[in-house]
Protein backbone atom coordinates (compact mmCIF):
# COMPACT_ATOMS: atom_id res chain seq x y z
CA MET A 1 67.29 246.80 36.07
CA LYS A 2 64.31 247.17 38.70
CA LYS A 3 64.71 245.86 42.44
CA ILE A 4 62.11 243.74 43.88
CA GLU A 5 60.99 243.74 47.55
CA PHE A 6 59.49 240.65 48.97
CA ILE A 7 57.42 240.16 52.00
CA ALA A 8 57.39 237.11 54.12
CA PRO A 9 57.37 234.00 53.41
CA VAL A 10 58.71 234.72 49.92
CA ALA A 11 62.40 235.32 49.91
CA SER A 12 62.91 235.39 45.94
CA MET A 13 61.44 234.38 42.72
CA ARG A 14 63.52 233.56 39.64
CA GLY A 15 62.90 232.96 36.04
CA ASN A 16 59.92 233.85 33.91
CA LEU A 17 56.93 235.30 36.13
CA SER A 18 54.67 235.89 33.28
CA GLY A 19 53.96 232.02 32.50
CA GLY A 20 54.68 229.98 29.32
CA GLN A 21 53.80 230.93 25.90
CA LYS A 22 53.39 228.80 22.62
CA LEU A 23 55.30 230.96 20.18
CA GLN A 24 54.77 231.32 16.30
CA TYR A 25 57.23 232.21 13.71
CA ALA A 26 57.22 233.13 10.01
CA GLU A 27 56.08 232.59 7.58
CA ASN A 28 52.66 231.15 8.59
CA ASN A 29 52.64 231.61 12.33
CA ASN A 30 54.23 228.08 12.41
CA PRO A 31 56.15 226.42 15.41
CA ALA A 32 60.05 227.15 15.26
CA PHE A 33 60.66 224.09 13.72
CA ILE A 34 59.31 224.89 10.26
CA ALA A 35 60.21 228.42 10.28
CA PRO A 36 62.60 229.55 7.64
CA GLU A 37 66.34 229.42 8.19
CA GLY A 38 68.00 232.23 9.84
CA ARG A 39 67.28 234.37 12.92
CA GLN A 40 63.51 234.44 13.67
CA TYR A 41 61.60 236.61 16.00
CA ALA A 42 58.31 235.14 17.67
CA LYS A 43 55.53 236.83 16.07
CA ASN A 44 52.97 236.54 19.21
CA TYR A 45 55.33 237.16 22.00
CA ARG A 46 53.96 238.90 24.91
CA PRO A 47 56.48 241.03 27.26
CA THR A 48 57.31 239.09 30.30
CA PHE A 49 58.89 239.69 33.59
CA ILE A 50 61.98 237.89 34.49
CA GLY A 51 63.08 237.78 38.30
CA ALA A 52 66.54 237.06 39.17
CA LYS A 53 68.75 237.26 42.48
CA ARG A 54 72.48 238.49 42.45
CA SER A 55 74.45 236.08 44.27
CA LYS A 56 77.12 238.35 45.61
CA ASP A 57 74.68 240.33 47.61
CA GLY A 58 71.45 238.68 47.64
CA MET A 59 69.72 241.62 45.94
CA THR A 60 66.63 240.55 43.88
CA TYR A 61 65.46 242.13 40.71
CA PHE A 62 63.57 242.01 37.45
CA ALA A 63 63.90 242.91 34.01
CA THR A 64 61.21 242.73 31.14
CA LYS A 65 61.91 240.65 28.16
CA THR A 66 60.04 242.08 24.96
CA LYS A 67 60.82 239.81 22.28
CA SER A 68 62.14 236.34 21.69
CA ALA A 69 64.35 235.09 18.87
CA THR A 70 65.57 231.65 17.85
CA LEU A 71 68.22 230.80 15.18
CA ILE A 72 67.01 228.14 12.56
CA ASN A 73 69.81 226.21 10.88
CA ALA A 74 70.90 222.70 10.50
CA ASP A 75 72.19 222.18 14.08
CA SER A 76 69.08 223.90 15.82
CA LEU A 77 66.82 221.77 13.57
CA GLU A 78 68.66 218.63 14.50
CA ARG A 79 68.39 219.33 18.22
CA MET A 80 64.82 219.92 18.14
CA ALA A 81 64.08 216.75 15.99
CA LEU A 82 66.50 214.69 18.72
CA LEU A 83 64.30 216.17 21.59
CA GLY A 84 60.90 215.67 20.03
CA GLY A 85 61.81 212.42 18.37
CA ALA A 86 62.97 211.02 21.65
CA ALA A 87 59.97 212.23 23.40
CA ALA A 88 57.63 210.50 20.64
CA TRP A 89 59.43 207.53 20.91
CA TYR A 90 59.54 207.32 24.63
CA ASN A 91 55.81 208.03 24.74
CA ALA A 92 55.30 205.23 22.14
CA VAL A 93 57.15 202.33 23.96
CA ILE A 94 55.78 202.91 27.43
CA LYS A 95 52.46 201.88 25.74
CA ASN A 96 54.02 198.55 24.65
CA ILE A 97 53.90 195.88 27.30
CA GLU A 98 56.87 193.94 26.33
CA LEU A 99 59.12 196.79 25.69
CA TYR A 100 58.15 198.68 28.86
CA GLN A 101 58.76 195.54 30.99
CA ALA A 102 62.21 195.21 29.52
CA MET A 103 62.94 198.83 30.10
CA GLN A 104 61.87 198.56 34.04
CA LEU A 105 64.13 195.52 34.36
CA PHE A 106 67.10 197.38 32.71
CA TRP A 107 66.42 200.39 34.77
CA ARG A 108 66.40 198.27 38.31
CA ALA A 109 69.70 196.66 37.22
CA VAL A 110 71.37 200.01 36.07
CA LYS A 111 70.00 202.78 38.19
CA ASP A 112 72.51 202.87 40.83
CA SER A 113 75.14 203.62 38.13
CA TYR A 114 72.99 206.55 37.01
CA PRO A 115 72.10 208.30 40.38
CA SER A 116 71.36 211.71 38.73
CA TYR A 117 68.79 210.22 36.42
CA THR A 118 65.13 209.29 36.70
CA PHE A 119 63.83 206.44 34.49
CA ARG A 120 62.35 208.75 31.95
CA GLN A 121 65.72 210.65 31.72
CA LEU A 122 67.69 207.75 31.06
CA MET A 123 65.39 206.10 28.56
CA MET A 124 64.92 209.50 26.69
CA GLU A 125 68.82 209.87 26.73
CA MET A 126 69.28 206.40 25.28
CA PHE A 127 66.72 207.06 22.62
CA ARG A 128 68.11 210.51 21.82
CA GLN A 129 71.71 208.65 21.39
CA CYS A 130 70.28 206.05 19.09
CA LEU A 131 68.53 208.63 16.98
CA LYS A 132 71.39 211.07 16.65
CA SER A 133 73.88 207.98 15.53
CA HIS A 134 71.04 206.54 13.20
CA GLU A 135 71.24 203.14 14.68
CA GLU A 136 68.62 200.56 14.01
CA ASN A 137 67.73 199.67 17.56
CA VAL A 138 67.95 200.38 21.51
CA ALA A 139 69.13 197.31 23.39
CA PHE A 140 68.13 196.49 26.97
CA THR A 141 70.16 193.73 28.23
CA VAL A 142 69.58 192.04 31.62
CA SER A 143 71.08 188.89 32.79
CA GLY A 144 72.14 187.93 29.19
CA THR A 145 69.03 188.53 27.77
CA THR A 146 68.33 191.56 25.15
CA THR A 147 65.27 193.09 24.06
CA TYR A 148 65.69 195.60 21.17
CA ALA A 149 63.37 198.67 20.60
CA ALA A 150 63.34 199.55 16.95
CA ASN A 151 64.09 202.79 15.83
CA PRO A 152 60.83 204.42 14.35
CA TRP A 153 62.92 206.44 11.65
CA CYS A 154 64.67 203.28 10.57
CA PRO A 155 62.02 201.59 8.55
CA ASP A 156 63.98 198.11 8.11
CA ALA A 157 64.86 198.05 11.87
CA THR A 158 64.33 194.32 13.27
CA GLY A 159 63.67 195.19 16.93
CA ILE A 160 60.03 195.69 18.48
CA LYS A 161 58.14 198.49 16.88
CA ALA A 162 56.29 201.11 19.00
CA GLN A 163 54.06 203.10 16.74
CA ILE A 164 54.50 206.76 16.49
CA SER A 165 52.18 209.15 14.71
CA GLN A 166 52.78 209.55 10.94
CA GLU A 167 52.70 213.24 11.59
CA VAL A 168 56.04 213.05 13.76
CA LEU A 169 57.36 210.42 11.53
CA ILE A 170 57.24 212.82 8.75
CA LYS A 171 58.01 216.12 10.74
CA PHE A 172 61.50 214.87 11.80
CA TRP A 173 62.16 212.61 8.74
CA LEU A 174 65.08 214.65 7.03
CA GLN A 175 66.92 214.87 10.57
CA LEU A 176 66.18 211.37 11.83
CA GLY A 177 65.50 209.31 8.76
CA PHE A 178 67.14 205.91 8.29
CA SER A 179 70.49 204.29 9.31
CA ASN A 180 72.06 203.66 6.06
CA PRO A 181 74.77 206.25 5.01
CA SER A 182 74.36 205.35 1.35
CA PHE A 183 70.78 206.80 1.41
CA THR A 184 69.42 210.02 2.06
CA PRO A 185 66.01 210.91 3.56
CA ILE A 186 63.81 213.18 1.28
CA TYR A 187 60.26 214.35 1.07
CA TYR A 188 57.81 214.17 -2.10
CA SER A 189 54.12 214.97 -2.02
CA VAL A 190 50.90 213.60 -3.52
CA ASN A 191 48.03 216.08 -4.34
CA GLY A 192 50.25 218.56 -2.11
CA ILE A 193 50.28 216.20 0.78
CA LYS A 194 53.76 215.83 1.96
CA THR A 195 55.18 212.10 2.43
CA ILE A 196 58.80 210.37 2.86
CA ALA A 197 61.24 208.39 0.80
CA LEU A 198 64.72 207.97 0.36
CA GLU A 199 67.35 208.71 -2.32
CA PRO A 200 69.11 207.68 -4.25
CA ASN A 201 67.27 205.18 -6.81
CA ILE A 202 64.61 204.06 -4.43
CA SER A 203 61.48 203.03 -6.59
CA PHE A 204 57.74 203.01 -5.48
CA ASP A 205 57.84 199.30 -5.57
CA ASP A 206 60.36 199.61 -2.59
CA ILE A 207 58.08 201.62 -0.38
CA ILE A 208 54.79 199.66 -1.41
CA ASN A 209 56.16 196.09 -1.61
CA GLY A 210 59.68 195.97 -0.26
CA GLU A 211 61.62 196.37 2.96
CA LEU A 212 60.39 200.26 3.19
CA LYS A 213 56.83 199.99 3.58
CA ALA A 214 56.91 202.21 6.80
CA CYS A 215 57.44 205.01 4.16
CA ASN A 216 54.25 204.47 2.67
CA THR A 217 52.21 206.86 4.84
CA LEU A 218 49.78 207.52 2.06
CA GLY A 219 48.71 203.81 1.42
CA LEU A 220 49.84 203.78 -2.16
CA THR A 221 49.37 200.26 -3.96
CA THR A 222 50.43 198.88 -7.41
CA GLU A 223 47.92 197.58 -9.84
CA THR A 224 48.00 194.05 -10.48
CA GLY A 225 49.32 193.22 -14.00
CA THR A 226 50.16 196.62 -15.08
CA GLY A 227 52.40 197.74 -12.04
CA ASN A 228 50.75 201.23 -12.25
CA VAL A 229 51.08 203.15 -8.88
CA LYS A 230 47.42 204.15 -7.47
CA LEU A 231 46.07 205.98 -4.61
CA GLY A 232 42.76 204.32 -3.88
CA SER A 233 41.23 204.19 -7.20
CA ASP A 234 43.14 206.96 -8.93
CA TYR A 235 46.52 206.80 -10.91
CA LEU A 236 49.42 208.47 -9.99
CA LYS A 237 51.36 210.97 -12.31
CA ILE A 238 54.17 213.45 -12.20
CA GLY A 239 53.77 216.13 -14.93
CA ALA A 240 52.45 214.21 -17.89
CA GLU A 241 53.87 210.94 -17.12
CA TYR A 242 52.22 208.09 -15.25
CA VAL A 243 54.13 206.40 -12.39
CA ASN A 244 54.91 202.69 -12.63
CA HIS A 245 56.13 200.29 -9.68
CA ASP A 246 59.62 200.75 -10.92
CA THR A 247 59.58 204.29 -11.06
CA VAL A 248 62.17 205.95 -9.04
CA ILE A 249 60.89 208.62 -6.46
CA VAL A 250 62.09 212.14 -7.02
CA ALA A 251 63.03 214.35 -4.02
CA ASN A 252 60.51 217.18 -3.76
CA GLY A 253 58.41 215.67 -6.58
CA GLN A 254 55.05 216.99 -6.90
CA TYR A 255 52.76 213.98 -7.92
CA VAL A 256 49.10 214.17 -8.65
CA THR A 257 46.38 211.60 -9.14
CA THR A 258 43.85 211.16 -12.11
CA GLU A 259 40.73 209.23 -12.60
CA VAL A 260 42.03 208.61 -16.16
CA ALA A 261 43.82 205.20 -16.61
CA PRO A 262 47.01 205.29 -18.59
CA GLU A 263 46.67 203.94 -22.45
CA PRO A 264 47.73 200.24 -22.60
C-alpha cells in the first residue's frame, strides 16, 4: 500500500485513476460474454492505479491492479444478458413515439413512489424484471389505460414491438429467449452464420410462415409447390438431406446451401 498526498483544492480521489479499458478474453480476444466457461483473465489488461481513502483516519493511498478476471458461468451470463438486453430494449422503445409517451405518462404518475430512481433507471429495472421472468410484455398503466411494450425476445408477444438489432437478439437468445417453459431457445447455423430457433419439434415452417417469424433472422423462404426451404435462390441442406418446410430444426445444426435443386 502506498500513501498519496494531495494539494489543495483536491482532498482525495477514489477508484480507478487510469481510465476505462475495453477488455478482451479467450479464445479470440472476445468480450467476456462469449469467453469460455470458467475463470478468465483479460488478455489486454493494462496495469491501473486504484485510489482509496481509509475512513477511520482519512488516510489516502493507492494500489496497483495488474490483472482483471471474470467468472463465466450460467449465472454470470444471465446477469450480463439481463443488463445488455434491458439497455438495448430501453434504447429501442424511447425511439417509438407511442411507447415513449406511455412511459412518460407512467413515470409522472409513479415517480413520487420511486424517489431514488431516475426515469431511465425505473424503465431499465422494469425491462430487466420482464426479461428475467420471460414475460411477454411490460405494462404501463395510467388512469385505467394500459400500453404494452412487447418483449423483443418473445416472438409471439402481442404488445407494441420496438426493434432491437438482430445482433443483440441473437447474442442473448439462449438466456432471454421466449416465455413458454415448454420450449428451449437454441442456435443453429446456415453457411456458418448463427441464427435462432426453439426446441422441441419446431419446424422451419413455424419460423418462416408461423408465429415465430421473428426467429427468421436470415430471411429463409419456402418454395411454392415443393415446400423446399431456400435462402435466396439456393436450397437448404443438412448433411446430404434437403430441408423441407416440415423439417424439425436441430439444435446446433450446421446447415448449408446449394444451387442444385433436389430431385423430384
